[in-house]
Amino acid sequence: MSGKKLATYHRKRALERSGEPSGGEPGDEPRFVVQKHDASSLHYDFRLEVDGVLKSWAVPKGPSLDPREKRLATPTEDHPLDYVEFEGGIPEGYGAGTVVVWDTGTYRNDTERGGEPVAMADGLSAGHVKVWLDGEKLRGAFALSRTDFRGREQWLLVKVDDEGADRRRDPVSTQPESVLTGRTNDELR
């Protein structure tokens, strides 16, 4: 099933040249990753493990810990599960640039409707999910909600006001390095 879900991913890439992952196995708990991707424009790729793939959004300004901040999140193609640990330089072509694992960990689906739990895939189809992230830089609840902007599907990523919220701390500007290797995009360059 994940082969069909990854068809767009495979079509856009020359994996033998780029060194990007092509598969992977599910984790014991669902995982998330935020990758800092310095491509044609710097952005953060927010990815959630759902049904055998990483559902993905490009977040230009990166995640915020401030619940007042709404961050635009543009959906991108599903990625393979092994992308959770991918770092490196992508050569000329689709996505060319450097990628570091800015944050990663596990997450819990806290999506509900009418007090009842909602499966991640169903929540995403309906256009709203709430997840509890347990990462090194991001902790606590985040909401991801679909909105249509000028006829294009867009999402908003917002920090829920809980113990992980912090209006003063901005890890995007103060912690640019990879949580896996300590390297920055410039050091990969």
N, C-alpha and C. Protein backbone atom coordinates (compact mmCIF):
# COMPACT_ATOMS: atom_id res chain seq x y z
N MET A 1 0.83 -1.21 0.00
CA MET A 1 0.00 0.00 0.00
C MET A 1 0.86 1.26 0.00
N SER A 2 1.95 1.27 0.81
CA SER A 2 2.77 2.48 0.86
C SER A 2 3.45 2.73 -0.48
N GLY A 3 3.63 1.68 -1.31
CA GLY A 3 4.20 1.87 -2.65
C GLY A 3 3.38 2.82 -3.48
N LYS A 4 2.06 2.65 -3.47
CA LYS A 4 1.15 3.57 -4.19
C LYS A 4 1.22 4.97 -3.60
N LYS A 5 1.25 5.04 -2.27
CA LYS A 5 1.28 6.34 -1.60
C LYS A 5 2.58 7.09 -1.90
N LEU A 6 3.64 6.36 -2.23
CA LEU A 6 4.94 6.98 -2.48
C LEU A 6 5.23 7.20 -3.96
N ALA A 7 4.25 6.93 -4.83
CA ALA A 7 4.47 7.05 -6.27
C ALA A 7 4.93 8.46 -6.66
N THR A 8 4.32 9.48 -6.11
CA THR A 8 4.70 10.86 -6.45
C THR A 8 6.12 11.13 -5.96
N TYR A 9 6.44 10.69 -4.75
CA TYR A 9 7.78 10.85 -4.20
C TYR A 9 8.82 10.24 -5.14
N HIS A 10 8.59 9.00 -5.57
CA HIS A 10 9.55 8.31 -6.44
C HIS A 10 9.64 8.96 -7.82
N ARG A 11 8.53 9.41 -8.34
CA ARG A 11 8.51 10.03 -9.67
C ARG A 11 9.32 11.33 -9.71
N LYS A 12 9.32 12.08 -8.61
CA LYS A 12 10.00 13.39 -8.59
C LYS A 12 11.51 13.29 -8.35
N ARG A 13 12.02 12.10 -8.02
CA ARG A 13 13.42 12.00 -7.58
C ARG A 13 14.21 10.98 -8.38
N ALA A 14 15.51 11.21 -8.41
CA ALA A 14 16.47 10.22 -8.91
C ALA A 14 17.20 9.70 -7.66
N LEU A 15 16.60 8.73 -6.98
CA LEU A 15 17.08 8.29 -5.67
C LEU A 15 18.52 7.78 -5.71
N GLU A 16 18.91 7.12 -6.80
CA GLU A 16 20.29 6.60 -6.87
C GLU A 16 21.30 7.74 -6.88
N ARG A 17 20.90 8.93 -7.34
CA ARG A 17 21.79 10.09 -7.38
C ARG A 17 21.68 10.92 -6.10
N SER A 18 20.44 11.06 -5.59
CA SER A 18 20.24 11.95 -4.44
C SER A 18 20.60 11.30 -3.11
N GLY A 19 20.57 9.96 -3.06
CA GLY A 19 20.85 9.27 -1.80
C GLY A 19 19.71 9.33 -0.81
N GLU A 20 18.54 9.80 -1.25
CA GLU A 20 17.39 9.89 -0.35
C GLU A 20 16.80 8.49 -0.13
N PRO A 21 16.18 8.25 1.02
CA PRO A 21 15.61 6.94 1.34
C PRO A 21 14.43 6.58 0.43
N SER A 22 14.14 5.28 0.35
CA SER A 22 13.03 4.84 -0.50
C SER A 22 12.00 4.00 0.23
N GLY A 23 12.22 3.65 1.50
CA GLY A 23 11.26 2.77 2.19
C GLY A 23 11.29 2.98 3.68
N GLY A 24 11.24 1.86 4.41
CA GLY A 24 11.30 1.92 5.87
C GLY A 24 10.19 1.16 6.53
N GLU A 25 10.40 0.85 7.79
CA GLU A 25 9.44 0.10 8.60
C GLU A 25 8.83 1.01 9.66
N PRO A 26 7.58 0.76 10.02
CA PRO A 26 6.93 1.56 11.07
C PRO A 26 7.68 1.47 12.40
N GLY A 27 7.62 2.53 13.18
CA GLY A 27 8.20 2.52 14.51
C GLY A 27 7.26 1.86 15.50
N ASP A 28 7.75 1.60 16.72
CA ASP A 28 6.90 1.04 17.76
C ASP A 28 5.78 2.01 18.12
N GLU A 29 6.12 3.30 18.10
CA GLU A 29 5.14 4.37 18.30
C GLU A 29 5.23 5.27 17.07
N PRO A 30 4.14 5.98 16.71
CA PRO A 30 4.22 6.86 15.56
C PRO A 30 5.27 7.95 15.78
N ARG A 31 6.04 8.23 14.74
CA ARG A 31 7.13 9.19 14.84
C ARG A 31 6.80 10.48 14.08
N PHE A 32 7.51 11.52 14.46
CA PHE A 32 7.46 12.77 13.71
C PHE A 32 8.89 13.21 13.46
N VAL A 33 9.06 14.03 12.44
CA VAL A 33 10.35 14.66 12.20
C VAL A 33 10.10 16.04 11.63
N VAL A 34 10.97 16.98 12.00
CA VAL A 34 10.98 18.31 11.39
C VAL A 34 12.38 18.45 10.81
N GLN A 35 12.44 18.59 9.50
CA GLN A 35 13.72 18.74 8.83
C GLN A 35 13.89 20.17 8.34
N LYS A 36 15.05 20.73 8.63
CA LYS A 36 15.38 22.06 8.13
C LYS A 36 15.98 21.85 6.74
N HIS A 37 15.31 22.39 5.73
CA HIS A 37 15.65 22.12 4.33
C HIS A 37 16.01 23.44 3.65
N ASP A 38 17.29 23.60 3.38
CA ASP A 38 17.78 24.80 2.71
C ASP A 38 17.84 24.49 1.22
N ALA A 39 16.72 24.70 0.55
CA ALA A 39 16.59 24.41 -0.88
C ALA A 39 16.51 25.75 -1.62
N SER A 40 15.63 25.85 -2.63
CA SER A 40 15.49 27.13 -3.33
C SER A 40 15.08 28.23 -2.35
N SER A 41 14.37 27.84 -1.30
CA SER A 41 14.12 28.75 -0.17
C SER A 41 14.19 27.92 1.11
N LEU A 42 14.67 28.53 2.17
CA LEU A 42 14.78 27.83 3.45
C LEU A 42 13.39 27.57 4.01
N HIS A 43 13.13 26.34 4.43
CA HIS A 43 11.86 25.99 5.07
C HIS A 43 12.07 24.79 5.98
N TYR A 44 11.03 24.45 6.70
CA TYR A 44 11.06 23.30 7.60
C TYR A 44 10.00 22.31 7.12
N ASP A 45 10.40 21.05 6.95
CA ASP A 45 9.46 20.01 6.54
C ASP A 45 8.95 19.30 7.78
N PHE A 46 7.65 19.44 8.03
CA PHE A 46 6.98 18.84 9.19
C PHE A 46 6.35 17.53 8.72
N ARG A 47 6.75 16.39 9.32
CA ARG A 47 6.29 15.09 8.85
C ARG A 47 5.78 14.23 10.01
N LEU A 48 4.64 13.58 9.77
CA LEU A 48 4.01 12.70 10.75
C LEU A 48 3.86 11.30 10.16
N GLU A 49 4.26 10.28 10.90
CA GLU A 49 4.08 8.90 10.46
C GLU A 49 2.60 8.53 10.55
N VAL A 50 2.02 8.22 9.38
CA VAL A 50 0.60 7.85 9.31
C VAL A 50 0.45 6.75 8.26
N ASP A 51 -0.07 5.61 8.67
CA ASP A 51 -0.39 4.51 7.74
C ASP A 51 0.75 4.15 6.80
N GLY A 52 1.96 4.00 7.34
CA GLY A 52 3.08 3.49 6.56
C GLY A 52 3.87 4.50 5.75
N VAL A 53 3.55 5.79 5.88
CA VAL A 53 4.30 6.85 5.19
C VAL A 53 4.43 8.04 6.13
N LEU A 54 5.24 9.00 5.71
CA LEU A 54 5.32 10.27 6.43
C LEU A 54 4.50 11.30 5.69
N LYS A 55 3.36 11.70 6.28
CA LYS A 55 2.57 12.80 5.73
C LYS A 55 3.38 14.07 5.95
N SER A 56 3.44 14.94 4.94
CA SER A 56 4.43 16.02 4.96
C SER A 56 3.85 17.37 4.58
N TRP A 57 4.37 18.41 5.25
CA TRP A 57 4.01 19.80 4.98
C TRP A 57 5.29 20.64 5.01
N ALA A 58 5.41 21.59 4.12
CA ALA A 58 6.51 22.56 4.14
C ALA A 58 6.05 23.77 4.95
N VAL A 59 6.81 24.12 5.98
CA VAL A 59 6.48 25.23 6.87
C VAL A 59 7.57 26.29 6.70
N PRO A 60 7.30 27.35 5.92
CA PRO A 60 8.35 28.33 5.59
C PRO A 60 9.05 28.93 6.81
N LYS A 61 8.31 29.29 7.85
CA LYS A 61 8.92 29.94 9.01
C LYS A 61 9.30 28.96 10.11
N GLY A 62 8.96 27.69 9.94
CA GLY A 62 9.25 26.70 10.97
C GLY A 62 8.22 26.72 12.08
N PRO A 63 8.17 25.68 12.90
CA PRO A 63 7.21 25.62 14.00
C PRO A 63 7.48 26.69 15.05
N SER A 64 6.43 27.15 15.69
CA SER A 64 6.55 28.14 16.76
C SER A 64 6.03 27.54 18.05
N LEU A 65 6.63 27.95 19.17
CA LEU A 65 6.15 27.54 20.49
C LEU A 65 5.13 28.53 21.05
N ASP A 66 4.87 29.60 20.31
CA ASP A 66 3.95 30.65 20.73
C ASP A 66 2.55 30.36 20.17
N PRO A 67 1.57 30.08 21.04
CA PRO A 67 0.22 29.76 20.58
C PRO A 67 -0.45 30.87 19.77
N ARG A 68 0.07 32.09 19.85
CA ARG A 68 -0.51 33.20 19.07
C ARG A 68 -0.07 33.15 17.61
N GLU A 69 0.98 32.38 17.31
CA GLU A 69 1.55 32.32 15.96
C GLU A 69 0.88 31.21 15.15
N LYS A 70 0.35 31.56 14.00
CA LYS A 70 -0.19 30.57 13.06
C LYS A 70 0.82 30.44 11.93
N ARG A 71 1.34 29.24 11.73
CA ARG A 71 2.36 29.02 10.71
C ARG A 71 1.76 28.32 9.50
N LEU A 72 1.95 28.92 8.34
CA LEU A 72 1.49 28.33 7.09
C LEU A 72 2.20 27.00 6.88
N ALA A 73 1.45 25.97 6.47
CA ALA A 73 2.00 24.65 6.21
C ALA A 73 1.42 24.16 4.88
N THR A 74 2.28 24.07 3.86
CA THR A 74 1.84 23.66 2.53
C THR A 74 2.06 22.16 2.38
N PRO A 75 0.99 21.40 2.05
CA PRO A 75 1.16 19.95 1.93
C PRO A 75 2.10 19.59 0.78
N THR A 76 2.94 18.59 1.02
CA THR A 76 3.82 18.05 0.00
C THR A 76 3.54 16.55 -0.12
N GLU A 77 4.25 15.89 -1.01
CA GLU A 77 4.01 14.46 -1.22
C GLU A 77 4.41 13.65 0.00
N ASP A 78 3.78 12.48 0.15
CA ASP A 78 4.15 11.55 1.21
C ASP A 78 5.61 11.14 1.04
N HIS A 79 6.29 10.92 2.15
CA HIS A 79 7.69 10.50 2.14
C HIS A 79 7.82 9.13 2.81
N PRO A 80 8.88 8.37 2.46
CA PRO A 80 9.08 7.06 3.09
C PRO A 80 9.48 7.21 4.55
N LEU A 81 9.20 6.18 5.34
CA LEU A 81 9.45 6.23 6.78
C LEU A 81 10.93 6.45 7.11
N ASP A 82 11.84 5.93 6.29
CA ASP A 82 13.27 6.11 6.56
C ASP A 82 13.70 7.56 6.47
N TYR A 83 12.86 8.43 5.94
CA TYR A 83 13.19 9.85 5.85
C TYR A 83 13.32 10.48 7.24
N VAL A 84 12.80 9.80 8.27
CA VAL A 84 12.88 10.29 9.64
C VAL A 84 14.32 10.61 10.03
N GLU A 85 15.28 9.85 9.50
CA GLU A 85 16.69 10.04 9.88
C GLU A 85 17.54 10.60 8.75
N PHE A 86 16.91 11.06 7.66
CA PHE A 86 17.69 11.52 6.51
C PHE A 86 18.31 12.89 6.74
N GLU A 87 19.62 12.97 6.54
CA GLU A 87 20.34 14.22 6.50
C GLU A 87 21.32 14.16 5.33
N GLY A 88 21.57 15.28 4.72
CA GLY A 88 22.56 15.29 3.66
C GLY A 88 22.30 16.37 2.64
N GLY A 89 23.10 16.31 1.59
CA GLY A 89 22.96 17.25 0.49
C GLY A 89 22.25 16.57 -0.66
N ILE A 90 21.19 17.19 -1.15
CA ILE A 90 20.46 16.68 -2.32
C ILE A 90 21.03 17.43 -3.52
N PRO A 91 21.57 16.68 -4.53
CA PRO A 91 22.16 17.35 -5.69
C PRO A 91 21.11 18.03 -6.56
N GLU A 92 21.58 18.70 -7.61
CA GLU A 92 20.68 19.40 -8.53
C GLU A 92 19.48 18.53 -8.89
N GLY A 93 18.34 19.16 -9.00
CA GLY A 93 17.10 18.46 -9.29
C GLY A 93 16.08 18.82 -8.24
N TYR A 94 15.04 18.00 -8.12
CA TYR A 94 13.95 18.28 -7.19
C TYR A 94 14.47 18.30 -5.75
N GLY A 95 14.20 19.39 -5.04
CA GLY A 95 14.56 19.51 -3.63
C GLY A 95 16.04 19.76 -3.37
N ALA A 96 16.79 20.14 -4.40
CA ALA A 96 18.24 20.33 -4.25
C ALA A 96 18.54 21.28 -3.09
N GLY A 97 19.50 20.89 -2.27
CA GLY A 97 19.90 21.69 -1.11
C GLY A 97 20.31 20.77 0.02
N THR A 98 20.40 21.34 1.21
CA THR A 98 20.83 20.56 2.38
C THR A 98 19.66 20.31 3.32
N VAL A 99 19.70 19.17 3.99
CA VAL A 99 18.64 18.75 4.91
C VAL A 99 19.27 18.28 6.21
N VAL A 100 18.81 18.83 7.34
CA VAL A 100 19.19 18.30 8.65
C VAL A 100 17.93 17.95 9.43
N VAL A 101 18.07 16.99 10.34
CA VAL A 101 16.95 16.62 11.22
C VAL A 101 16.94 17.64 12.36
N TRP A 102 16.10 18.66 12.21
CA TRP A 102 16.04 19.74 13.19
C TRP A 102 15.41 19.26 14.50
N ASP A 103 14.40 18.39 14.41
CA ASP A 103 13.83 17.76 15.60
C ASP A 103 13.15 16.46 15.19
N THR A 104 13.10 15.53 16.12
CA THR A 104 12.42 14.26 15.86
C THR A 104 12.03 13.64 17.19
N GLY A 105 11.10 12.71 17.13
CA GLY A 105 10.63 12.01 18.31
C GLY A 105 9.38 11.23 17.97
N THR A 106 8.59 10.96 18.98
CA THR A 106 7.33 10.27 18.77
C THR A 106 6.18 11.26 18.99
N TYR A 107 5.01 10.84 18.56
CA TYR A 107 3.84 11.68 18.79
C TYR A 107 2.65 10.82 19.18
N ARG A 108 1.70 11.48 19.82
CA ARG A 108 0.43 10.84 20.19
C ARG A 108 -0.68 11.59 19.47
N ASN A 109 -1.61 10.84 18.90
CA ASN A 109 -2.77 11.45 18.25
C ASN A 109 -3.79 11.83 19.31
N ASP A 110 -4.06 13.11 19.46
CA ASP A 110 -5.06 13.61 20.43
C ASP A 110 -6.30 14.15 19.72
N THR A 111 -6.50 13.78 18.45
CA THR A 111 -7.63 14.27 17.68
C THR A 111 -8.92 13.66 18.20
N GLU A 112 -9.90 14.51 18.43
CA GLU A 112 -11.22 14.06 18.90
C GLU A 112 -12.31 14.79 18.13
N ARG A 113 -13.46 14.17 18.08
CA ARG A 113 -14.66 14.81 17.54
C ARG A 113 -15.81 14.37 18.43
N GLY A 114 -16.48 15.32 19.05
CA GLY A 114 -17.57 14.99 19.96
C GLY A 114 -17.13 14.15 21.15
N GLY A 115 -15.88 14.37 21.59
CA GLY A 115 -15.36 13.63 22.73
C GLY A 115 -14.85 12.24 22.38
N GLU A 116 -14.96 11.83 21.13
CA GLU A 116 -14.51 10.50 20.70
C GLU A 116 -13.20 10.61 19.93
N PRO A 117 -12.27 9.65 20.13
CA PRO A 117 -11.02 9.67 19.38
C PRO A 117 -11.25 9.50 17.88
N VAL A 118 -10.41 10.17 17.09
CA VAL A 118 -10.48 10.10 15.63
C VAL A 118 -9.12 9.60 15.13
N ALA A 119 -9.13 8.62 14.25
CA ALA A 119 -7.90 8.10 13.66
C ALA A 119 -7.19 9.22 12.89
N MET A 120 -5.85 9.16 12.85
CA MET A 120 -5.07 10.21 12.16
C MET A 120 -5.51 10.38 10.72
N ALA A 121 -5.62 9.29 9.97
CA ALA A 121 -5.99 9.40 8.55
C ALA A 121 -7.35 10.06 8.40
N ASP A 122 -8.30 9.73 9.29
CA ASP A 122 -9.63 10.33 9.23
C ASP A 122 -9.58 11.81 9.59
N GLY A 123 -8.77 12.16 10.60
CA GLY A 123 -8.63 13.56 10.98
C GLY A 123 -8.02 14.39 9.86
N LEU A 124 -7.00 13.82 9.19
CA LEU A 124 -6.38 14.53 8.08
C LEU A 124 -7.36 14.70 6.93
N SER A 125 -8.15 13.67 6.66
CA SER A 125 -9.17 13.78 5.59
C SER A 125 -10.19 14.85 5.93
N ALA A 126 -10.55 14.95 7.21
CA ALA A 126 -11.52 15.94 7.65
C ALA A 126 -10.91 17.35 7.76
N GLY A 127 -9.58 17.42 7.76
CA GLY A 127 -8.93 18.73 7.77
C GLY A 127 -8.51 19.26 9.11
N HIS A 128 -8.46 18.41 10.15
CA HIS A 128 -7.99 18.88 11.45
C HIS A 128 -7.47 17.72 12.28
N VAL A 129 -6.23 17.88 12.78
CA VAL A 129 -5.68 16.93 13.74
C VAL A 129 -5.00 17.69 14.87
N LYS A 130 -4.92 17.03 16.01
CA LYS A 130 -4.20 17.56 17.15
C LYS A 130 -3.25 16.45 17.61
N VAL A 131 -1.97 16.80 17.70
CA VAL A 131 -0.97 15.81 18.08
C VAL A 131 -0.15 16.31 19.26
N TRP A 132 0.29 15.38 20.09
CA TRP A 132 1.18 15.69 21.20
C TRP A 132 2.57 15.24 20.79
N LEU A 133 3.48 16.19 20.59
CA LEU A 133 4.84 15.87 20.16
C LEU A 133 5.74 15.66 21.37
N ASP A 134 6.57 14.63 21.28
CA ASP A 134 7.56 14.36 22.31
C ASP A 134 8.93 14.34 21.64
N GLY A 135 9.43 15.55 21.34
CA GLY A 135 10.73 15.68 20.69
C GLY A 135 11.71 16.37 21.61
N GLU A 136 12.87 16.72 21.06
CA GLU A 136 13.87 17.42 21.86
C GLU A 136 13.60 18.92 21.90
N LYS A 137 13.16 19.49 20.79
CA LYS A 137 12.89 20.93 20.72
C LYS A 137 11.40 21.24 20.81
N LEU A 138 10.57 20.34 20.33
CA LEU A 138 9.12 20.53 20.34
C LEU A 138 8.47 19.53 21.27
N ARG A 139 7.73 20.07 22.25
CA ARG A 139 7.01 19.21 23.19
C ARG A 139 5.63 19.82 23.42
N GLY A 140 4.67 18.93 23.57
CA GLY A 140 3.32 19.40 23.83
C GLY A 140 2.43 19.27 22.61
N ALA A 141 1.25 19.86 22.71
CA ALA A 141 0.22 19.70 21.68
C ALA A 141 0.36 20.75 20.58
N PHE A 142 0.14 20.29 19.35
CA PHE A 142 0.10 21.15 18.16
C PHE A 142 -1.14 20.79 17.37
N ALA A 143 -1.78 21.79 16.78
CA ALA A 143 -2.95 21.57 15.93
C ALA A 143 -2.55 21.86 14.49
N LEU A 144 -3.06 21.04 13.59
CA LEU A 144 -2.82 21.21 12.16
C LEU A 144 -4.19 21.25 11.51
N SER A 145 -4.54 22.39 10.89
CA SER A 145 -5.88 22.59 10.34
C SER A 145 -5.81 23.04 8.89
N ARG A 146 -6.66 22.42 8.06
CA ARG A 146 -6.69 22.77 6.64
C ARG A 146 -7.51 24.03 6.42
N THR A 147 -7.04 24.84 5.49
CA THR A 147 -7.75 26.03 5.08
C THR A 147 -7.53 26.19 3.58
N ASP A 148 -8.46 26.75 2.90
CA ASP A 148 -8.26 27.01 1.48
C ASP A 148 -7.88 28.47 1.31
N PHE A 149 -6.77 28.70 0.63
CA PHE A 149 -6.28 30.05 0.42
C PHE A 149 -6.10 30.24 -1.08
N ARG A 150 -6.88 31.15 -1.63
CA ARG A 150 -6.82 31.43 -3.08
C ARG A 150 -6.96 30.16 -3.91
N GLY A 151 -7.86 29.29 -3.47
CA GLY A 151 -8.13 28.07 -4.23
C GLY A 151 -7.11 26.97 -4.05
N ARG A 152 -6.11 27.18 -3.20
CA ARG A 152 -5.09 26.16 -2.95
C ARG A 152 -5.25 25.60 -1.55
N GLU A 153 -5.06 24.30 -1.43
CA GLU A 153 -5.11 23.68 -0.10
C GLU A 153 -3.89 24.11 0.69
N GLN A 154 -4.12 24.71 1.83
CA GLN A 154 -3.06 25.10 2.76
C GLN A 154 -3.48 24.63 4.14
N TRP A 155 -2.53 24.52 5.03
CA TRP A 155 -2.80 24.15 6.40
C TRP A 155 -2.17 25.19 7.31
N LEU A 156 -2.61 25.24 8.55
CA LEU A 156 -2.01 26.08 9.57
C LEU A 156 -1.51 25.18 10.69
N LEU A 157 -0.28 25.40 11.12
CA LEU A 157 0.32 24.67 12.24
C LEU A 157 0.37 25.64 13.41
N VAL A 158 -0.27 25.27 14.53
CA VAL A 158 -0.38 26.16 15.68
C VAL A 158 -0.05 25.40 16.95
N LYS A 159 0.76 26.01 17.81
CA LYS A 159 1.06 25.42 19.13
C LYS A 159 -0.14 25.63 20.03
N VAL A 160 -0.59 24.55 20.68
CA VAL A 160 -1.68 24.64 21.66
C VAL A 160 -1.10 25.25 22.95
N ASP A 161 -1.89 26.05 23.63
CA ASP A 161 -1.43 26.72 24.85
C ASP A 161 -1.42 25.71 26.01
N ASP A 162 -0.28 25.09 26.22
CA ASP A 162 -0.11 24.11 27.29
C ASP A 162 1.28 24.28 27.90
N GLU A 163 1.75 23.31 28.69
CA GLU A 163 3.04 23.47 29.37
C GLU A 163 4.23 23.54 28.41
N GLY A 164 4.05 23.12 27.15
CA GLY A 164 5.13 23.22 26.17
C GLY A 164 5.16 24.56 25.45
N ALA A 165 4.15 25.38 25.67
CA ALA A 165 4.09 26.69 25.01
C ALA A 165 5.10 27.64 25.66
N ASP A 166 5.70 28.50 24.84
CA ASP A 166 6.67 29.47 25.36
C ASP A 166 6.70 30.66 24.40
N ARG A 167 6.14 31.77 24.84
CA ARG A 167 6.05 32.96 23.98
C ARG A 167 7.41 33.64 23.79
N ARG A 168 8.38 33.32 24.65
CA ARG A 168 9.68 33.99 24.57
C ARG A 168 10.74 33.17 23.83
N ARG A 169 10.62 31.87 23.85
CA ARG A 169 11.66 31.02 23.25
C ARG A 169 11.34 30.71 21.80
N ASP A 170 12.32 30.90 20.92
CA ASP A 170 12.15 30.63 19.50
C ASP A 170 13.25 29.67 19.04
N PRO A 171 13.01 28.36 19.14
CA PRO A 171 14.07 27.41 18.78
C PRO A 171 14.48 27.48 17.31
N VAL A 172 13.60 27.98 16.44
CA VAL A 172 13.95 28.11 15.02
C VAL A 172 15.17 29.02 14.87
N SER A 173 15.21 30.12 15.62
CA SER A 173 16.34 31.05 15.48
C SER A 173 17.49 30.73 16.43
N THR A 174 17.21 30.09 17.57
CA THR A 174 18.28 29.87 18.55
C THR A 174 18.89 28.47 18.50
N GLN A 175 18.21 27.52 17.85
CA GLN A 175 18.73 26.15 17.80
C GLN A 175 18.69 25.62 16.36
N PRO A 176 19.60 26.09 15.50
CA PRO A 176 19.56 25.71 14.10
C PRO A 176 20.09 24.31 13.80
N GLU A 177 20.76 23.69 14.77
CA GLU A 177 21.48 22.45 14.51
C GLU A 177 20.59 21.21 14.53
N SER A 178 21.12 20.15 13.93
CA SER A 178 20.48 18.84 13.90
C SER A 178 20.46 18.22 15.29
N VAL A 179 19.35 17.59 15.66
CA VAL A 179 19.31 16.87 16.93
C VAL A 179 20.02 15.52 16.84
N LEU A 180 20.32 15.06 15.63
CA LEU A 180 21.01 13.78 15.46
C LEU A 180 22.52 13.93 15.43
N THR A 181 23.01 14.96 14.73
CA THR A 181 24.46 15.07 14.51
C THR A 181 25.07 16.36 15.04
N GLY A 182 24.23 17.33 15.41
CA GLY A 182 24.74 18.62 15.88
C GLY A 182 25.19 19.53 14.74
N ARG A 183 25.06 19.07 13.50
CA ARG A 183 25.50 19.87 12.34
C ARG A 183 24.41 20.84 11.93
N THR A 184 24.83 21.92 11.26
CA THR A 184 23.89 22.87 10.68
C THR A 184 23.86 22.66 9.17
N ASN A 185 22.89 23.27 8.51
CA ASN A 185 22.82 23.18 7.05
C ASN A 185 24.09 23.73 6.41
N ASP A 186 24.64 24.81 6.98
CA ASP A 186 25.86 25.40 6.43
C ASP A 186 27.03 24.42 6.50
N GLU A 187 27.08 23.63 7.59
CA GLU A 187 28.17 22.66 7.72
C GLU A 187 28.03 21.50 6.73
N LEU A 188 26.82 21.25 6.25
CA LEU A 188 26.61 20.22 5.24
C LEU A 188 26.89 20.76 3.84
N ARG A 189 26.86 22.09 3.77
CA ARG A 189 26.90 22.68 2.46
C ARG A 189 28.12 22.35 1.74
